[in-house]
Amino acid sequence: MQDKGMISWFVKNPVAANLLMIGLIVLGLYSLIKKVPLETFPAFEQDVVNIAVGFSGATPREVEQGVTVRVEDAVADLPGVEKIRSSSAEGRSLVRVEIRKQYDTTVVLNEIKSRVDRITAFPDDAERPVVSQLVRVRDVITVVLEQDFEDDVLLKLQTEKIQDEIRALPNVTQTSIGGVRPWEISINVPQFALSRYGLTLDDIARVIRNASRDIPAGSIKTDSGEILVRALGQAYRKKDFSEISIIGRNNGT
């Protein structure tokens, strides 16, 4: 009994089989080069919207009650919202909203921004909410620096210098620094000074927090355009903090 199937036919006609194989290879290469986008490490967007609110000096419980709960209530009934996750830490609230696959994330994102901007019950010290879509970017190249001596300041300065040089290279669009501690200024107050002036550390922290900030003061419209006015008072260095007055008397001292 003879097999008259396709395999048997190709065995008897090797030229046709070779032509078919060549055709498949050509079509595959064409689709790979012309139709399929190629990226070494592609960045991809997830259907997640983050709502971050800063609340300086507040405890996690105060953040939860004053910010997180209000944000959750504002966006919970939006169409397209599948799940809401939140975390409340000292001085910061983060709410993550997961969007259903069949909904347009951009449309839901804009609606969430509108809802959050309409919240008027935030505490006075709460910062302006930041609403953004979660985007993950994979590292392409990692540069590691190490030192044999204990000088974190010098290492951080050198790291920032190298970052600027890498960022200036052609085709480099994004860089980030990790594994180093942020700049920090420590203010120590002797116990006898607190007792002498009847102060607490909370009193000093509150004065510094109120004095070390930039305050917007509106705008001035002129013939050449609009000029924004603000009072610059943000302290960045040791000298700036040392000039902040903790106690002021009626005679100006």
C-alpha atoms as a PDB file:
ATOM      1  CA  MET A   1       0.000   0.000   0.000  1.00  0.00           C
ATOM      2  CA  GLN A   2       1.461   3.308  -1.056  1.00  0.00           C
ATOM      3  CA  ASP A   3       1.361   6.405   1.171  1.00  0.00           C
ATOM      4  CA  LYS A   4      -0.031   9.309  -0.843  1.00  0.00           C
ATOM      5  CA  GLY A   5       0.175  11.863   1.985  1.00  0.00           C
ATOM      6  CA  MET A   6       1.914  15.254   1.921  1.00  0.00           C
ATOM      7  CA  ILE A   7       5.125  13.945   3.441  1.00  0.00           C
ATOM      8  CA  SER A   8       5.392  11.253   0.791  1.00  0.00           C
ATOM      9  CA  TRP A   9       4.827  13.827  -1.952  1.00  0.00           C
ATOM     10  CA  PHE A  10       7.573  16.125  -0.621  1.00  0.00           C
ATOM     11  CA  VAL A  11       9.951  13.172  -0.379  1.00  0.00           C
ATOM     12  CA  LYS A  12       9.419  12.498  -4.061  1.00  0.00           C
ATOM     13  CA  ASN A  13       9.688  16.229  -4.933  1.00  0.00           C
ATOM     14  CA  PRO A  14      12.666  17.634  -2.992  1.00  0.00           C
ATOM     15  CA  VAL A  15      12.834  20.780  -5.136  1.00  0.00           C
ATOM     16  CA  ALA A  16       9.367  21.852  -4.034  1.00  0.00           C
ATOM     17  CA  ALA A  17      10.242  21.158  -0.402  1.00  0.00           C
ATOM     18  CA  ASN A  18      13.383  23.303  -0.626  1.00  0.00           C
ATOM     19  CA  LEU A  19      11.477  26.147  -2.292  1.00  0.00           C
ATOM     20  CA  LEU A  20       8.842  26.046   0.451  1.00  0.00           C
ATOM     21  CA  MET A  21      11.525  26.127   3.143  1.00  0.00           C
ATOM     22  CA  ILE A  22      13.285  29.100   1.500  1.00  0.00           C
ATOM     23  CA  GLY A  23       9.962  30.939   1.197  1.00  0.00           C
ATOM     24  CA  LEU A  24       9.188  30.435   4.885  1.00  0.00           C
ATOM     25  CA  ILE A  25      12.644  31.700   5.884  1.00  0.00           C
ATOM     26  CA  VAL A  26      12.321  34.813   3.687  1.00  0.00           C
ATOM     27  CA  LEU A  27       8.848  35.626   5.057  1.00  0.00           C
ATOM     28  CA  GLY A  28      10.059  35.092   8.617  1.00  0.00           C
ATOM     29  CA  LEU A  29      13.022  37.432   8.200  1.00  0.00           C
ATOM     30  CA  TYR A  30      10.836  40.078   6.555  1.00  0.00           C
ATOM     31  CA  SER A  31       8.346  39.949   9.422  1.00  0.00           C
ATOM     32  CA  LEU A  32      11.114  40.073  12.007  1.00  0.00           C
ATOM     33  CA  ILE A  33      12.821  43.122  10.486  1.00  0.00           C
ATOM     34  CA  LYS A  34       9.852  45.106   9.145  1.00  0.00           C
ATOM     35  CA  LYS A  35       6.893  44.148  11.288  1.00  0.00           C
ATOM     36  CA  VAL A  36       8.148  43.217  14.753  1.00  0.00           C
ATOM     37  CA  PRO A  37       9.534  46.124  16.871  1.00  0.00           C
ATOM     38  CA  LEU A  38      12.909  45.310  18.373  1.00  0.00           C
ATOM     39  CA  GLU A  39      14.098  46.643  21.753  1.00  0.00           C
ATOM     40  CA  THR A  40      16.941  45.281  23.823  1.00  0.00           C
ATOM     41  CA  PHE A  41      15.340  46.129  27.164  1.00  0.00           C
ATOM     42  CA  PRO A  42      11.846  47.518  26.477  1.00  0.00           C
ATOM     43  CA  ALA A  43      10.044  49.694  28.986  1.00  0.00           C
ATOM     44  CA  PHE A  44       6.444  48.658  29.470  1.00  0.00           C
ATOM     45  CA  GLU A  45       3.537  50.341  31.156  1.00  0.00           C
ATOM     46  CA  GLN A  46       1.356  48.575  33.679  1.00  0.00           C
ATOM     47  CA  ASP A  47      -2.300  49.255  34.276  1.00  0.00           C
ATOM     48  CA  VAL A  48      -1.553  50.761  37.691  1.00  0.00           C
ATOM     49  CA  VAL A  49      -1.958  54.378  38.817  1.00  0.00           C
ATOM     50  CA  ASN A  50      -0.005  55.686  41.825  1.00  0.00           C
ATOM     51  CA  ILE A  51      -1.325  58.506  44.030  1.00  0.00           C
ATOM     52  CA  ALA A  52       1.395  59.852  46.343  1.00  0.00           C
ATOM     53  CA  VAL A  53       0.772  62.523  48.983  1.00  0.00           C
ATOM     54  CA  GLY A  54       3.393  63.923  51.338  1.00  0.00           C
ATOM     55  CA  PHE A  55       2.359  64.840  54.890  1.00  0.00           C
ATOM     56  CA  SER A  56       5.484  66.026  56.689  1.00  0.00           C
ATOM     57  CA  GLY A  57       5.706  65.263  60.401  1.00  0.00           C
ATOM     58  CA  ALA A  58       2.554  63.136  60.556  1.00  0.00           C
ATOM     59  CA  THR A  59       2.395  59.687  62.121  1.00  0.00           C
ATOM     60  CA  PRO A  60       1.220  56.694  60.040  1.00  0.00           C
ATOM     61  CA  ARG A  61      -2.160  56.809  61.787  1.00  0.00           C
ATOM     62  CA  GLU A  62      -2.598  60.520  60.987  1.00  0.00           C
ATOM     63  CA  VAL A  63      -1.590  59.881  57.373  1.00  0.00           C
ATOM     64  CA  GLU A  64      -4.110  57.027  57.142  1.00  0.00           C
ATOM     65  CA  GLN A  65      -7.005  59.021  58.556  1.00  0.00           C
ATOM     66  CA  GLY A  66      -6.200  62.398  57.029  1.00  0.00           C
ATOM     67  CA  VAL A  67      -5.041  61.424  53.525  1.00  0.00           C
ATOM     68  CA  THR A  68      -5.172  57.753  52.537  1.00  0.00           C
ATOM     69  CA  VAL A  69      -8.817  57.107  53.448  1.00  0.00           C
ATOM     70  CA  ARG A  70      -9.976  60.262  51.663  1.00  0.00           C
ATOM     71  CA  VAL A  71      -8.128  59.297  48.469  1.00  0.00           C
ATOM     72  CA  GLU A  72      -9.572  55.772  48.554  1.00  0.00           C
ATOM     73  CA  ASP A  73     -13.109  57.088  49.024  1.00  0.00           C
ATOM     74  CA  ALA A  74     -12.692  59.527  46.121  1.00  0.00           C
ATOM     75  CA  VAL A  75     -11.671  56.916  43.525  1.00  0.00           C
ATOM     76  CA  ALA A  76     -13.314  53.721  44.797  1.00  0.00           C
ATOM     77  CA  ASP A  77     -16.490  54.023  42.680  1.00  0.00           C
ATOM     78  CA  LEU A  78     -14.764  54.954  39.404  1.00  0.00           C
ATOM     79  CA  PRO A  79     -15.599  52.689  36.426  1.00  0.00           C
ATOM     80  CA  GLY A  80     -12.584  50.631  35.486  1.00  0.00           C
ATOM     81  CA  VAL A  81     -11.082  50.408  38.974  1.00  0.00           C
ATOM     82  CA  GLU A  82     -10.372  46.761  39.763  1.00  0.00           C
ATOM     83  CA  LYS A  83      -8.401  46.910  43.007  1.00  0.00           C
ATOM     84  CA  ILE A  84      -7.050  49.539  45.403  1.00  0.00           C
ATOM     85  CA  ARG A  85      -3.958  49.012  47.555  1.00  0.00           C
ATOM     86  CA  SER A  86      -2.630  51.610  49.967  1.00  0.00           C
ATOM     87  CA  SER A  87       0.179  52.134  52.438  1.00  0.00           C
ATOM     88  CA  SER A  88       0.527  54.833  55.076  1.00  0.00           C
ATOM     89  CA  ALA A  89       3.957  55.586  56.476  1.00  0.00           C
ATOM     90  CA  GLU A  90       5.382  58.416  58.522  1.00  0.00           C
ATOM     91  CA  GLY A  91       4.988  61.563  56.447  1.00  0.00           C
ATOM     92  CA  ARG A  92       3.779  59.858  53.256  1.00  0.00           C
ATOM     93  CA  SER A  93       0.734  58.166  51.759  1.00  0.00           C
ATOM     94  CA  LEU A  94       0.732  55.937  48.668  1.00  0.00           C
ATOM     95  CA  VAL A  95      -2.409  54.596  47.007  1.00  0.00           C
ATOM     96  CA  ARG A  96      -2.115  52.155  44.076  1.00  0.00           C
ATOM     97  CA  VAL A  97      -5.131  51.783  41.802  1.00  0.00           C
ATOM     98  CA  GLU A  98      -5.220  48.782  39.457  1.00  0.00           C
ATOM     99  CA  ILE A  99      -7.172  49.325  36.209  1.00  0.00           C
ATOM    100  CA  ARG A 100      -9.238  46.650  34.464  1.00  0.00           C
ATOM    101  CA  LYS A 101      -7.744  45.393  31.203  1.00  0.00           C
ATOM    102  CA  GLN A 102     -10.720  46.370  29.030  1.00  0.00           C
ATOM    103  CA  TYR A 103     -10.539  50.040  30.079  1.00  0.00           C
ATOM    104  CA  ASP A 104      -8.327  52.760  28.620  1.00  0.00           C
ATOM    105  CA  THR A 105      -5.735  53.503  31.310  1.00  0.00           C
ATOM    106  CA  THR A 106      -5.230  57.088  30.111  1.00  0.00           C
ATOM    107  CA  VAL A 107      -8.939  57.879  30.438  1.00  0.00           C
ATOM    108  CA  VAL A 108      -9.111  56.387  33.931  1.00  0.00           C
ATOM    109  CA  LEU A 109      -5.880  58.186  34.897  1.00  0.00           C
ATOM    110  CA  ASN A 110      -7.338  61.562  33.939  1.00  0.00           C
ATOM    111  CA  GLU A 111     -10.530  60.816  35.853  1.00  0.00           C
ATOM    112  CA  ILE A 112      -8.518  59.848  38.938  1.00  0.00           C
ATOM    113  CA  LYS A 113      -6.562  63.116  38.715  1.00  0.00           C
ATOM    114  CA  SER A 114      -9.821  65.039  38.511  1.00  0.00           C
ATOM    115  CA  ARG A 115     -11.285  63.243  41.512  1.00  0.00           C
ATOM    116  CA  VAL A 116      -8.165  63.705  43.639  1.00  0.00           C
ATOM    117  CA  ASP A 117      -7.845  67.397  42.744  1.00  0.00           C
ATOM    118  CA  ARG A 118     -11.394  67.959  44.007  1.00  0.00           C
ATOM    119  CA  ILE A 119     -10.583  66.675  47.508  1.00  0.00           C
ATOM    120  CA  THR A 120     -10.781  69.664  49.882  1.00  0.00           C
ATOM    121  CA  ALA A 121     -10.558  67.834  53.220  1.00  0.00           C
ATOM    122  CA  PHE A 122      -6.813  67.230  53.209  1.00  0.00           C
ATOM    123  CA  PRO A 123      -4.908  68.532  56.270  1.00  0.00           C
ATOM    124  CA  ASP A 124      -3.292  71.936  55.879  1.00  0.00           C
ATOM    125  CA  ASP A 125       0.241  70.503  56.011  1.00  0.00           C
ATOM    126  CA  ALA A 126      -0.441  67.880  53.334  1.00  0.00           C
ATOM    127  CA  GLU A 127       1.400  68.384  50.040  1.00  0.00           C
ATOM    128  CA  ARG A 128      -0.180  68.462  46.610  1.00  0.00           C
ATOM    129  CA  PRO A 129      -1.045  64.912  45.427  1.00  0.00           C
ATOM    130  CA  VAL A 130       1.076  63.449  42.639  1.00  0.00           C
ATOM    131  CA  VAL A 131      -0.875  61.130  40.322  1.00  0.00           C
ATOM    132  CA  SER A 132       1.145  59.058  37.838  1.00  0.00           C
ATOM    133  CA  GLN A 133       1.022  55.825  35.881  1.00  0.00           C
ATOM    134  CA  LEU A 134       3.428  53.139  36.979  1.00  0.00           C
ATOM    135  CA  VAL A 135       6.181  52.646  34.407  1.00  0.00           C
ATOM    136  CA  ARG A 136       8.975  50.118  34.860  1.00  0.00           C
ATOM    137  CA  VAL A 137      12.302  50.655  33.125  1.00  0.00           C
ATOM    138  CA  ARG A 138      14.983  47.977  33.050  1.00  0.00           C
ATOM    139  CA  ASP A 139      18.651  48.806  33.470  1.00  0.00           C
ATOM    140  CA  VAL A 140      20.822  48.478  30.366  1.00  0.00           C
ATOM    141  CA  ILE A 141      24.241  49.222  31.872  1.00  0.00           C
ATOM    142  CA  THR A 142      25.231  49.314  35.551  1.00  0.00           C
ATOM    143  CA  VAL A 143      28.351  51.154  36.717  1.00  0.00           C
ATOM    144  CA  VAL A 144      29.612  50.321  40.220  1.00  0.00           C
ATOM    145  CA  LEU A 145      31.932  52.581  42.241  1.00  0.00           C
ATOM    146  CA  GLU A 146      33.797  51.562  45.380  1.00  0.00           C
ATOM    147  CA  GLN A 147      36.313  53.185  47.682  1.00  0.00           C
ATOM    148  CA  ASP A 148      38.894  52.026  50.195  1.00  0.00           C
ATOM    149  CA  PHE A 149      38.402  54.899  52.639  1.00  0.00           C
ATOM    150  CA  GLU A 150      35.400  56.018  54.677  1.00  0.00           C
ATOM    151  CA  ASP A 151      34.346  59.258  53.026  1.00  0.00           C
ATOM    152  CA  ASP A 152      30.732  59.074  51.909  1.00  0.00           C
ATOM    153  CA  VAL A 153      30.692  62.725  50.836  1.00  0.00           C
ATOM    154  CA  LEU A 154      33.594  62.285  48.401  1.00  0.00           C
ATOM    155  CA  LEU A 155      32.082  59.078  47.017  1.00  0.00           C
ATOM    156  CA  LYS A 156      28.715  60.747  46.457  1.00  0.00           C
ATOM    157  CA  LEU A 157      30.288  63.761  44.745  1.00  0.00           C
ATOM    158  CA  GLN A 158      32.325  61.494  42.480  1.00  0.00           C
ATOM    159  CA  THR A 159      29.220  59.433  41.681  1.00  0.00           C
ATOM    160  CA  GLU A 160      27.244  62.520  40.705  1.00  0.00           C
ATOM    161  CA  LYS A 161      30.120  63.707  38.513  1.00  0.00           C
ATOM    162  CA  ILE A 162      30.235  60.366  36.670  1.00  0.00           C
ATOM    163  CA  GLN A 163      26.457  60.437  36.292  1.00  0.00           C
ATOM    164  CA  ASP A 164      26.654  63.841  34.579  1.00  0.00           C
ATOM    165  CA  GLU A 165      29.353  62.548  32.215  1.00  0.00           C
ATOM    166  CA  ILE A 166      27.304  59.452  31.310  1.00  0.00           C
ATOM    167  CA  ARG A 167      24.160  61.515  30.830  1.00  0.00           C
ATOM    168  CA  ALA A 168      26.034  63.746  28.364  1.00  0.00           C
ATOM    169  CA  LEU A 169      26.873  60.778  26.127  1.00  0.00           C
ATOM    170  CA  PRO A 170      24.961  60.430  22.831  1.00  0.00           C
ATOM    171  CA  ASN A 171      21.867  58.178  22.919  1.00  0.00           C
ATOM    172  CA  VAL A 172      21.751  58.154  26.744  1.00  0.00           C
ATOM    173  CA  THR A 173      18.311  59.351  27.833  1.00  0.00           C
ATOM    174  CA  GLN A 174      18.069  58.346  31.488  1.00  0.00           C
ATOM    175  CA  THR A 175      20.394  57.708  34.419  1.00  0.00           C
ATOM    176  CA  SER A 176      19.833  57.105  38.120  1.00  0.00           C
ATOM    177  CA  ILE A 177      21.949  56.686  41.245  1.00  0.00           C
ATOM    178  CA  GLY A 178      21.323  53.954  43.789  1.00  0.00           C
ATOM    179  CA  GLY A 179      22.981  52.622  46.906  1.00  0.00           C
ATOM    180  CA  VAL A 180      24.093  55.986  48.293  1.00  0.00           C
ATOM    181  CA  ARG A 181      22.593  57.853  51.189  1.00  0.00           C
ATOM    182  CA  PRO A 182      20.786  61.136  50.458  1.00  0.00           C
ATOM    183  CA  TRP A 183      22.211  64.424  51.653  1.00  0.00           C
ATOM    184  CA  GLU A 184      21.342  65.024  55.283  1.00  0.00           C
ATOM    185  CA  ILE A 185      21.967  67.800  57.812  1.00  0.00           C
ATOM    186  CA  SER A 186      21.875  66.846  61.486  1.00  0.00           C
ATOM    187  CA  ILE A 187      20.991  69.545  64.043  1.00  0.00           C
ATOM    188  CA  ASN A 188      22.014  68.759  67.635  1.00  0.00           C
ATOM    189  CA  VAL A 189      20.696  70.835  70.548  1.00  0.00           C
ATOM    190  CA  PRO A 190      22.258  70.524  74.039  1.00  0.00           C
ATOM    191  CA  GLN A 191      19.865  69.585  76.840  1.00  0.00           C
ATOM    192  CA  PHE A 192      20.868  72.607  78.929  1.00  0.00           C
ATOM    193  CA  ALA A 193      19.902  74.926  76.045  1.00  0.00           C
ATOM    194  CA  LEU A 194      16.450  73.355  75.870  1.00  0.00           C
ATOM    195  CA  SER A 195      15.978  73.749  79.621  1.00  0.00           C
ATOM    196  CA  ARG A 196      17.306  77.315  79.632  1.00  0.00           C
ATOM    197  CA  TYR A 197      14.857  78.581  77.020  1.00  0.00           C
ATOM    198  CA  GLY A 198      11.949  76.248  77.845  1.00  0.00           C
ATOM    199  CA  LEU A 199      12.030  74.556  74.452  1.00  0.00           C
ATOM    200  CA  THR A 200      11.495  71.025  73.182  1.00  0.00           C
ATOM    201  CA  LEU A 201      12.892  69.320  70.104  1.00  0.00           C
ATOM    202  CA  ASP A 202       9.413  69.452  68.559  1.00  0.00           C
ATOM    203  CA  ASP A 203       9.372  73.249  69.025  1.00  0.00           C
ATOM    204  CA  ILE A 204      12.700  73.608  67.231  1.00  0.00           C
ATOM    205  CA  ALA A 205      11.672  71.217  64.444  1.00  0.00           C
ATOM    206  CA  ARG A 206       8.451  73.163  63.889  1.00  0.00           C
ATOM    207  CA  VAL A 207      10.284  76.514  63.668  1.00  0.00           C
ATOM    208  CA  ILE A 208      12.848  75.126  61.229  1.00  0.00           C
ATOM    209  CA  ARG A 209      10.136  73.481  59.121  1.00  0.00           C
ATOM    210  CA  ASN A 210       8.200  76.747  58.849  1.00  0.00           C
ATOM    211  CA  ALA A 211      11.289  78.883  58.162  1.00  0.00           C
ATOM    212  CA  SER A 212      12.986  76.579  55.656  1.00  0.00           C
ATOM    213  CA  ARG A 213      10.624  76.757  52.699  1.00  0.00           C
ATOM    214  CA  ASP A 214       9.819  78.791  49.605  1.00  0.00           C
ATOM    215  CA  ILE A 215       6.505  80.658  49.842  1.00  0.00           C
ATOM    216  CA  PRO A 216       4.579  81.624  46.676  1.00  0.00           C
ATOM    217  CA  ALA A 217       3.316  85.219  46.693  1.00  0.00           C
ATOM    218  CA  GLY A 218       1.130  85.376  43.584  1.00  0.00           C
ATOM    219  CA  SER A 219       1.959  87.040  40.283  1.00  0.00           C
ATOM    220  CA  ILE A 220       2.294  90.459  38.712  1.00  0.00           C
ATOM    221  CA  LYS A 221       0.936  91.133  35.237  1.00  0.00           C
ATOM    222  CA  THR A 222       3.017  93.497  33.133  1.00  0.00           C
ATOM    223  CA  ASP A 223       3.040  94.582  29.495  1.00  0.00           C
ATOM    224  CA  SER A 224       5.851  92.131  28.763  1.00  0.00           C
ATOM    225  CA  GLY A 225       4.145  89.197  30.475  1.00  0.00           C
ATOM    226  CA  GLU A 226       3.310  87.680  33.843  1.00  0.00           C
ATOM    227  CA  ILE A 227       5.909  87.636  36.626  1.00  0.00           C
ATOM    228  CA  LEU A 228       5.665  85.043  39.379  1.00  0.00           C
ATOM    229  CA  VAL A 229       6.574  86.275  42.863  1.00  0.00           C
ATOM    230  CA  ARG A 230       7.721  84.057  45.721  1.00  0.00           C
ATOM    231  CA  ALA A 231       9.782  84.342  48.886  1.00  0.00           C
ATOM    232  CA  LEU A 232      12.866  82.131  48.796  1.00  0.00           C
ATOM    233  CA  GLY A 233      13.640  80.696  52.214  1.00  0.00           C
ATOM    234  CA  GLN A 234      14.497  77.037  51.647  1.00  0.00           C
ATOM    235  CA  ALA A 235      17.655  76.157  53.570  1.00  0.00           C
ATOM    236  CA  TYR A 236      20.132  73.764  51.987  1.00  0.00           C
ATOM    237  CA  ARG A 237      23.459  74.243  53.800  1.00  0.00           C
ATOM    238  CA  LYS A 238      24.763  74.491  57.348  1.00  0.00           C
ATOM    239  CA  LYS A 239      25.059  78.285  57.122  1.00  0.00           C
ATOM    240  CA  ASP A 240      21.413  78.625  56.021  1.00  0.00           C
ATOM    241  CA  PHE A 241      20.122  76.623  58.987  1.00  0.00           C
ATOM    242  CA  SER A 242      22.376  78.457  61.460  1.00  0.00           C
ATOM    243  CA  GLU A 243      20.716  81.769  60.513  1.00  0.00           C
ATOM    244  CA  ILE A 244      17.193  80.591  61.410  1.00  0.00           C
ATOM    245  CA  SER A 245      15.897  82.342  64.539  1.00  0.00           C
ATOM    246  CA  ILE A 246      14.312  79.966  67.048  1.00  0.00           C
ATOM    247  CA  ILE A 247      13.171  82.571  69.602  1.00  0.00           C
ATOM    248  CA  GLY A 248      12.284  86.167  68.836  1.00  0.00           C
ATOM    249  CA  ARG A 249      11.694  88.829  71.482  1.00  0.00           C
ATOM    250  CA  ASN A 250       9.769  92.085  71.226  1.00  0.00           C
ATOM    251  CA  ASN A 251      12.980  94.134  71.187  1.00  0.00           C
ATOM    252  CA  GLY A 252      14.170  92.358  68.039  1.00  0.00           C
ATOM    253  CA  THR A 253      16.708  90.010  69.640  1.00  0.00           C
END
